[in-house]
Amino acid sequence: MKEDFDIVVVGAGPSGSFSALEAAKQHVKVAVIEEHQNIGTPAHCAGHVSIHGLRTLGLELPSSLIENRIRIATFHSPSGKTLCIDCRHPVTYVVNRTLFDQYLAGLAEQAGASYLNELHADSLLVESDHVQGVLVEAKEKVRLGARVVIDAEGARAGLLRKNPSLVPSKAKYVTGAQGYSAKVHGVDSESVEIYLGRAHASGFFAWIIPRYDGTAKIGLATSKGNPRALLDHFAQRHPIASKKILKPLSDVSLHPIPLGGPLSTTYGNGLLVVGDAASQVKPITGGGVVFGLTCSNIAGKVAAKAVQAGDCSSGFLSDYQRLWQEKLGREFRVGRQARWIMNRLSDRAIDRIFSIGKTFAVEDSLGEISEIDFAGRIFEGTMKKPNVALAFLFSLFSCLLP
């Protein structure tokens, strides 16, 4: 059995649906294939998303999707020191990821995209190094022909691993684990809590994200050890967090988070790669929604133009990489450098940085941050404040100490 489309998108997550939405707006025939029966399940991401980033993309979310509005970030050092950044107004949403994914899929369907659920993408159809579609598995093998395939299957990127000659995939990962607690205590309802320290989350951090109903998302990511065991240890044994998490964790899921910055090549003949599959994730925080949507917006438009121009070669589709690099390349470079530094900080160095931050009163200065996506822009803005600049210099010096 074979069916032909102009564009086939693999994966109905945010990046896949946003690509489909932008392509369908250009009146080309778009299909989205999703391996699960219900879009948005299972949900892995914490759903902590920049309000400014969503609005920049033209997304005003219905209130039914929003589980909380966050204006405060409370950071905990390995020894228990705290820095609290109060932005005085909400800067992030906590969204229900299942409903968020379904909302974006609904927008794409309204624009004309077709959704084909419970289809597993087995492999790309390749002829003479040119992607011609996708072979999917259902009750029978189905060949979905396409002039352009957009790979939005997520961090595991199975199609790319089967076809390394098309787009080399060498993403670097940490493994995340997240569950839900039915009750937390002593957590400000407008604050996300971040816990640093190698004992609980080597190479990343742990988090408590409260929701309006008094429940919370509890998670961490790590480059070492068993993430599920570390999550249980964090919830039950962390000297601060364990006193706040009053109910056992439920619905724990594990997921890879690519932190090494984007793939060096995100296009090929008849192929574009977006979102987590392209490692278009912020290396500092692991957040992939806004950056993934930004790149997917570009991918959908470029793919549609290629179809309309009758040229789906890598030469035409390379515009996708050029455009997303112009918009986000600097942010990924800054993020990679920051992540490289953070991964090399000892717990003692992190504690010293917290003490320096308190000494120079950086909390009030950082409270003026109004958006969290563009690390380079934020760094430049805060470095104009003398106390923050001095704290940064002292922190660099302290990192040289044993």
Foldseek 3Di string as FASTA:
>chain_A
DEAEFAEEEEALALLRLLLLLLQLLLVGAYEYEAQAPAAQPPPDDQQKAFPVLCVVVVDDDDPVFFFAFAQKEWEAFLVGFIFIAGLPGGGITRTDRRVVSVVSNVSSVVSPYHYHYNKAFDEFDDDPQATQATFIDDVHTYTYGHQAYEYAHAQVLPHCVVPCVFFNDDFDKWKKKKFKFPAFPPDPLRYKYWYDACQQAQLAIWIWHHGPNRMTMTMYTHRDDDRVVSSQCCCCPDPPNVNGRDGDTPPMDMDIQGQQFFGPDQAFRRYGYFWSSRNQAQNHHSDTNSSRSVLSSLQSNQSSVCSVVVHRGRVSSVVSVVVSCVVCVVQSVVRNVVSVVVNPAHSVLSVVLSVLCVVLVCSHLLSNDNHDRRPVVSVVVSCVDVSSVVSVVVSVVSSVPD
